[in-house]
Amino acid sequence: MQTSELSRELSRLGENDTDNAQRFATRYAGRILYTPGKGWLAFDGQRWKPDSFLQCMELAKETARMIAEEVQYLPHDLEKNVRRKFAQSSLSKASLERMIDLAKSLVMVDDSKLDADPWLINTITGTIDLRTGDCEDHDPRDLLTKLAPVAADATAKCPQFKKFLKR
């Protein structure tokens, strides 16, 4: 969804912490997730990794700043002024922390869902489906946290492995 379309959709939300958590989850559900056992994880383009760089906080700040874009979709001047003030107050540390805390339940994944598909091997060049041998682009929906430090090569020969399989 385009940013302007998304801002229009989010402009229907109110001015409270719960709605800010919804804004955060709507904008970034494919980039961050929360698990009870591992806490916050961020997708780095290849796999889900612990959010050691506080990406969640940076995305919460970005979410708060983008509330100002919603103003153009509000019909009345009073609503616009209220939303502008709310956007500014949403940048406070306490508001950001509440946004992140309330968003946990919106982007939560059970730990058992991580790395759950035994047929997928994640490599630096893509994810290999062992059922088909196909190497697909990395996909956050696969919920992979591990990464084999090798490049997938469909043309590679493997004589030792084939010999092993024949035994």
Foldseek 3Di string as FASTA:
>chain_A
DDLLVLLLVLLPDDLDLLSLLVLLCVVDLQAWAQEPVQGIWGDPQFATDRPPVPVLLVSSLVSLQCLLSSLVNDDDPVSSVVSVVSSVVCNDPVNSVSSSVSNRVVNYDYPCQAPVDPQWAGEPAAIARNVVRDGDGRGVVSNYHDYDDDHDDPPDDDVVVVVVVVD
